Amino acid sequence: MPRSNYSYFLSDYINLNFYVLFSAILLVIITGYFLFIDKVKGWGRVGPALIFAGGMLNLIERAFTGCVKDYLNFFGLFYYNIFDVLVSLGLAVFIFYYLKKDGK
């Protein structure tokens, strides 16, 4: 049984439309920086791409339904959706890429 998550960052102070628009713009700027200005190569491009995909899919779901549904239950401890998994995996790949890059 999925859980619906209606809250979002600063939800008491800003409306949903502003949140989705601002977050989408911020996501595009940050992803564009790492892909085109910082010029990450190879596996380093996978991290920002996964973060972008997961973040945008979360924003799209929130824009159309007003919430994000968490389908993945981890033993009742916490709930995730597949888009959160994409963001987490992308962050892990990105951190690994930068740690490996600095180690050379």
N, C-alpha and C. Protein backbone atom coordinates (compact mmCIF):
# COMPACT_ATOMS: atom_id res chain seq x y z
N MET A 1 0.84 -1.18 0.00
CA MET A 1 0.00 0.00 0.00
C MET A 1 0.89 1.25 0.00
N PRO A 2 0.78 2.09 -1.02
CA PRO A 2 1.65 3.27 -1.08
C PRO A 2 1.25 4.32 -0.05
N ARG A 3 2.25 5.06 0.36
CA ARG A 3 2.04 6.20 1.26
C ARG A 3 2.17 7.48 0.45
N SER A 4 1.29 8.41 0.69
CA SER A 4 1.35 9.70 0.00
C SER A 4 2.07 10.71 0.86
N ASN A 5 3.01 11.41 0.26
CA ASN A 5 3.79 12.42 0.94
C ASN A 5 3.39 13.79 0.39
N TYR A 6 2.62 14.53 1.17
CA TYR A 6 2.12 15.84 0.72
C TYR A 6 3.03 17.00 1.10
N SER A 7 3.93 16.79 2.03
CA SER A 7 4.78 17.89 2.48
C SER A 7 5.99 18.05 1.56
N TYR A 8 6.52 19.25 1.52
CA TYR A 8 7.72 19.55 0.76
C TYR A 8 8.46 20.66 1.49
N PHE A 9 9.69 20.90 1.11
CA PHE A 9 10.54 21.90 1.75
C PHE A 9 9.85 23.26 1.74
N LEU A 10 9.73 23.88 2.89
CA LEU A 10 9.11 25.19 3.08
C LEU A 10 7.62 25.20 2.69
N SER A 11 6.95 24.07 2.84
CA SER A 11 5.55 23.98 2.42
C SER A 11 4.63 24.91 3.22
N ASP A 12 5.06 25.34 4.39
CA ASP A 12 4.25 26.28 5.17
C ASP A 12 4.36 27.71 4.66
N TYR A 13 5.36 27.97 3.80
CA TYR A 13 5.64 29.35 3.39
C TYR A 13 5.47 29.63 1.90
N ILE A 14 5.61 28.61 1.06
CA ILE A 14 5.48 28.82 -0.38
C ILE A 14 4.45 27.85 -0.95
N ASN A 15 3.83 28.25 -2.06
CA ASN A 15 2.82 27.36 -2.65
C ASN A 15 3.48 26.32 -3.55
N LEU A 16 2.72 25.32 -3.91
CA LEU A 16 3.22 24.17 -4.67
C LEU A 16 3.74 24.57 -6.05
N ASN A 17 3.04 25.46 -6.74
CA ASN A 17 3.47 25.86 -8.08
C ASN A 17 4.83 26.54 -8.06
N PHE A 18 5.05 27.43 -7.09
CA PHE A 18 6.34 28.10 -6.98
C PHE A 18 7.43 27.09 -6.64
N TYR A 19 7.13 26.17 -5.75
CA TYR A 19 8.10 25.15 -5.35
C TYR A 19 8.53 24.31 -6.55
N VAL A 20 7.57 23.84 -7.33
CA VAL A 20 7.88 22.99 -8.49
C VAL A 20 8.69 23.78 -9.51
N LEU A 21 8.28 24.99 -9.82
CA LEU A 21 8.99 25.80 -10.81
C LEU A 21 10.41 26.13 -10.34
N PHE A 22 10.55 26.60 -9.11
CA PHE A 22 11.87 26.95 -8.59
C PHE A 22 12.78 25.73 -8.53
N SER A 23 12.25 24.60 -8.08
CA SER A 23 13.05 23.37 -7.98
C SER A 23 13.48 22.88 -9.35
N ALA A 24 12.59 22.96 -10.34
CA ALA A 24 12.95 22.52 -11.69
C ALA A 24 14.05 23.40 -12.28
N ILE A 25 13.94 24.71 -12.10
CA ILE A 25 14.97 25.63 -12.60
C ILE A 25 16.30 25.35 -11.91
N LEU A 26 16.27 25.19 -10.61
CA LEU A 26 17.49 24.90 -9.85
C LEU A 26 18.11 23.58 -10.28
N LEU A 27 17.30 22.58 -10.52
CA LEU A 27 17.78 21.27 -10.95
C LEU A 27 18.44 21.35 -12.32
N VAL A 28 17.85 22.11 -13.23
CA VAL A 28 18.43 22.27 -14.57
C VAL A 28 19.76 23.02 -14.50
N ILE A 29 19.83 24.07 -13.68
CA ILE A 29 21.07 24.86 -13.56
C ILE A 29 22.19 24.02 -12.97
N ILE A 30 21.92 23.31 -11.90
CA ILE A 30 22.96 22.51 -11.23
C ILE A 30 23.42 21.37 -12.13
N THR A 31 22.48 20.68 -12.77
CA THR A 31 22.85 19.58 -13.67
C THR A 31 23.64 20.12 -14.86
N GLY A 32 23.20 21.23 -15.42
CA GLY A 32 23.92 21.85 -16.53
C GLY A 32 25.33 22.24 -16.16
N TYR A 33 25.51 22.75 -14.95
CA TYR A 33 26.85 23.11 -14.49
C TYR A 33 27.78 21.90 -14.50
N PHE A 34 27.33 20.81 -13.89
CA PHE A 34 28.21 19.65 -13.79
C PHE A 34 28.43 18.96 -15.12
N LEU A 35 27.45 19.00 -16.01
CA LEU A 35 27.62 18.31 -17.28
C LEU A 35 28.36 19.14 -18.32
N PHE A 36 28.19 20.48 -18.30
CA PHE A 36 28.75 21.28 -19.38
C PHE A 36 29.86 22.24 -18.95
N ILE A 37 29.82 22.74 -17.74
CA ILE A 37 30.85 23.68 -17.30
C ILE A 37 31.98 22.96 -16.58
N ASP A 38 31.63 22.07 -15.64
CA ASP A 38 32.64 21.31 -14.91
C ASP A 38 33.24 20.22 -15.79
N LYS A 39 32.57 19.88 -16.87
CA LYS A 39 33.02 18.90 -17.86
C LYS A 39 33.36 17.54 -17.25
N VAL A 40 32.45 16.99 -16.48
CA VAL A 40 32.66 15.64 -15.97
C VAL A 40 32.65 14.67 -17.14
N LYS A 41 33.41 13.61 -17.02
CA LYS A 41 33.56 12.64 -18.12
C LYS A 41 33.11 11.26 -17.67
N GLY A 42 32.80 10.40 -18.61
CA GLY A 42 32.50 9.00 -18.36
C GLY A 42 31.41 8.77 -17.34
N TRP A 43 31.73 7.97 -16.31
CA TRP A 43 30.76 7.64 -15.26
C TRP A 43 30.35 8.87 -14.47
N GLY A 44 31.14 9.90 -14.49
CA GLY A 44 30.78 11.13 -13.79
C GLY A 44 29.53 11.77 -14.35
N ARG A 45 29.21 11.50 -15.60
CA ARG A 45 27.99 12.03 -16.22
C ARG A 45 26.74 11.25 -15.79
N VAL A 46 26.92 10.02 -15.37
CA VAL A 46 25.78 9.19 -14.97
C VAL A 46 25.15 9.72 -13.69
N GLY A 47 25.98 10.15 -12.74
CA GLY A 47 25.49 10.65 -11.46
C GLY A 47 24.53 11.83 -11.62
N PRO A 48 24.97 12.94 -12.24
CA PRO A 48 24.05 14.07 -12.43
C PRO A 48 22.83 13.72 -13.28
N ALA A 49 22.99 12.82 -14.25
CA ALA A 49 21.85 12.42 -15.08
C ALA A 49 20.80 11.68 -14.25
N LEU A 50 21.24 10.78 -13.36
CA LEU A 50 20.30 10.06 -12.51
C LEU A 50 19.63 11.00 -11.51
N ILE A 51 20.40 11.93 -10.95
CA ILE A 51 19.84 12.90 -10.02
C ILE A 51 18.80 13.77 -10.73
N PHE A 52 19.12 14.20 -11.94
CA PHE A 52 18.20 15.02 -12.72
C PHE A 52 16.92 14.24 -13.04
N ALA A 53 17.07 13.01 -13.51
CA ALA A 53 15.90 12.21 -13.87
C ALA A 53 15.00 11.96 -12.66
N GLY A 54 15.59 11.52 -11.56
CA GLY A 54 14.80 11.26 -10.36
C GLY A 54 14.15 12.51 -9.80
N GLY A 55 14.89 13.61 -9.78
CA GLY A 55 14.35 14.87 -9.28
C GLY A 55 13.21 15.39 -10.14
N MET A 56 13.39 15.35 -11.45
CA MET A 56 12.34 15.83 -12.34
C MET A 56 11.10 14.95 -12.28
N LEU A 57 11.28 13.65 -12.21
CA LEU A 57 10.13 12.76 -12.11
C LEU A 57 9.38 12.98 -10.80
N ASN A 58 10.10 13.22 -9.72
CA ASN A 58 9.45 13.56 -8.45
C ASN A 58 8.65 14.86 -8.59
N LEU A 59 9.25 15.86 -9.22
CA LEU A 59 8.57 17.14 -9.40
C LEU A 59 7.33 17.01 -10.30
N ILE A 60 7.44 16.20 -11.34
CA ILE A 60 6.30 16.00 -12.23
C ILE A 60 5.16 15.32 -11.49
N GLU A 61 5.49 14.29 -10.71
CA GLU A 61 4.44 13.61 -9.94
C GLU A 61 3.81 14.57 -8.93
N ARG A 62 4.63 15.37 -8.27
CA ARG A 62 4.10 16.33 -7.29
C ARG A 62 3.24 17.40 -7.98
N ALA A 63 3.64 17.85 -9.16
CA ALA A 63 2.87 18.88 -9.87
C ALA A 63 1.50 18.36 -10.31
N PHE A 64 1.44 17.10 -10.75
CA PHE A 64 0.18 16.57 -11.27
C PHE A 64 -0.72 15.98 -10.19
N THR A 65 -0.15 15.45 -9.12
CA THR A 65 -0.98 14.81 -8.10
C THR A 65 -1.01 15.58 -6.78
N GLY A 66 -0.08 16.52 -6.61
CA GLY A 66 0.00 17.27 -5.36
C GLY A 66 0.78 16.54 -4.28
N CYS A 67 1.22 15.33 -4.59
CA CYS A 67 2.00 14.55 -3.61
C CYS A 67 2.93 13.60 -4.36
N VAL A 68 3.80 12.98 -3.61
CA VAL A 68 4.67 11.94 -4.14
C VAL A 68 4.30 10.66 -3.41
N LYS A 69 4.02 9.60 -4.16
CA LYS A 69 3.64 8.33 -3.55
C LYS A 69 4.88 7.46 -3.35
N ASP A 70 5.04 6.99 -2.14
CA ASP A 70 6.17 6.12 -1.79
C ASP A 70 5.69 4.68 -1.83
N TYR A 71 6.21 3.91 -2.79
CA TYR A 71 5.77 2.54 -3.00
C TYR A 71 6.69 1.51 -2.34
N LEU A 72 7.95 1.84 -2.15
CA LEU A 72 8.92 0.88 -1.63
C LEU A 72 9.00 0.96 -0.11
N ASN A 73 8.66 -0.12 0.55
CA ASN A 73 8.66 -0.19 2.00
C ASN A 73 9.88 -1.00 2.44
N PHE A 74 10.75 -0.40 3.22
CA PHE A 74 11.93 -1.08 3.73
C PHE A 74 11.69 -1.50 5.17
N PHE A 75 11.03 -2.66 5.32
CA PHE A 75 10.77 -3.28 6.62
C PHE A 75 10.03 -2.36 7.58
N GLY A 76 9.23 -1.46 7.07
CA GLY A 76 8.47 -0.55 7.92
C GLY A 76 9.30 0.56 8.53
N LEU A 77 10.60 0.61 8.22
CA LEU A 77 11.48 1.63 8.79
C LEU A 77 11.36 2.95 8.03
N PHE A 78 11.34 2.87 6.71
CA PHE A 78 11.19 4.07 5.90
C PHE A 78 10.60 3.68 4.56
N TYR A 79 10.08 4.66 3.86
CA TYR A 79 9.42 4.45 2.58
C TYR A 79 10.13 5.27 1.51
N TYR A 80 10.21 4.72 0.32
CA TYR A 80 10.86 5.36 -0.82
C TYR A 80 9.97 5.17 -2.04
N ASN A 81 10.24 5.98 -3.04
CA ASN A 81 9.69 5.68 -4.36
C ASN A 81 10.87 5.49 -5.30
N ILE A 82 10.60 5.00 -6.49
CA ILE A 82 11.68 4.68 -7.41
C ILE A 82 12.46 5.93 -7.82
N PHE A 83 11.81 7.08 -7.80
CA PHE A 83 12.49 8.32 -8.16
C PHE A 83 13.51 8.71 -7.08
N ASP A 84 13.17 8.47 -5.82
CA ASP A 84 14.12 8.71 -4.74
C ASP A 84 15.33 7.78 -4.86
N VAL A 85 15.08 6.56 -5.29
CA VAL A 85 16.18 5.61 -5.50
C VAL A 85 17.11 6.12 -6.60
N LEU A 86 16.55 6.68 -7.67
CA LEU A 86 17.38 7.24 -8.74
C LEU A 86 18.25 8.38 -8.21
N VAL A 87 17.67 9.26 -7.42
CA VAL A 87 18.43 10.38 -6.85
C VAL A 87 19.54 9.86 -5.94
N SER A 88 19.22 8.92 -5.07
CA SER A 88 20.22 8.37 -4.15
C SER A 88 21.33 7.64 -4.89
N LEU A 89 20.97 6.85 -5.89
CA LEU A 89 21.98 6.15 -6.69
C LEU A 89 22.85 7.14 -7.45
N GLY A 90 22.24 8.17 -8.01
CA GLY A 90 23.00 9.20 -8.72
C GLY A 90 23.97 9.92 -7.81
N LEU A 91 23.54 10.21 -6.59
CA LEU A 91 24.42 10.86 -5.63
C LEU A 91 25.58 9.95 -5.26
N ALA A 92 25.32 8.67 -5.08
CA ALA A 92 26.39 7.72 -4.76
C ALA A 92 27.40 7.62 -5.89
N VAL A 93 26.93 7.54 -7.13
CA VAL A 93 27.82 7.49 -8.29
C VAL A 93 28.64 8.77 -8.39
N PHE A 94 27.99 9.89 -8.18
CA PHE A 94 28.65 11.19 -8.27
C PHE A 94 29.75 11.34 -7.21
N ILE A 95 29.43 10.97 -5.98
CA ILE A 95 30.43 11.05 -4.89
C ILE A 95 31.59 10.11 -5.17
N PHE A 96 31.30 8.88 -5.61
CA PHE A 96 32.35 7.92 -5.93
C PHE A 96 33.24 8.46 -7.04
N TYR A 97 32.66 9.08 -8.06
CA TYR A 97 33.42 9.64 -9.17
C TYR A 97 34.38 10.72 -8.66
N TYR A 98 33.90 11.62 -7.82
CA TYR A 98 34.76 12.70 -7.33
C TYR A 98 35.81 12.21 -6.36
N LEU A 99 35.51 11.21 -5.56
CA LEU A 99 36.52 10.65 -4.67
C LEU A 99 37.61 9.95 -5.47
N LYS A 100 37.22 9.24 -6.50
CA LYS A 100 38.18 8.55 -7.36
C LYS A 100 39.01 9.56 -8.15
N LYS A 101 38.36 10.62 -8.62
CA LYS A 101 39.03 11.66 -9.40
C LYS A 101 40.09 12.37 -8.56
N ASP A 102 39.76 12.69 -7.30
CA ASP A 102 40.71 13.38 -6.43
C ASP A 102 41.84 12.47 -5.98
N GLY A 103 41.61 11.17 -6.01
CA GLY A 103 42.64 10.21 -5.58
C GLY A 103 43.74 10.02 -6.61
N LYS A 104 43.52 10.44 -7.83
CA LYS A 104 44.53 10.25 -8.90
C LYS A 104 45.62 11.28 -8.83
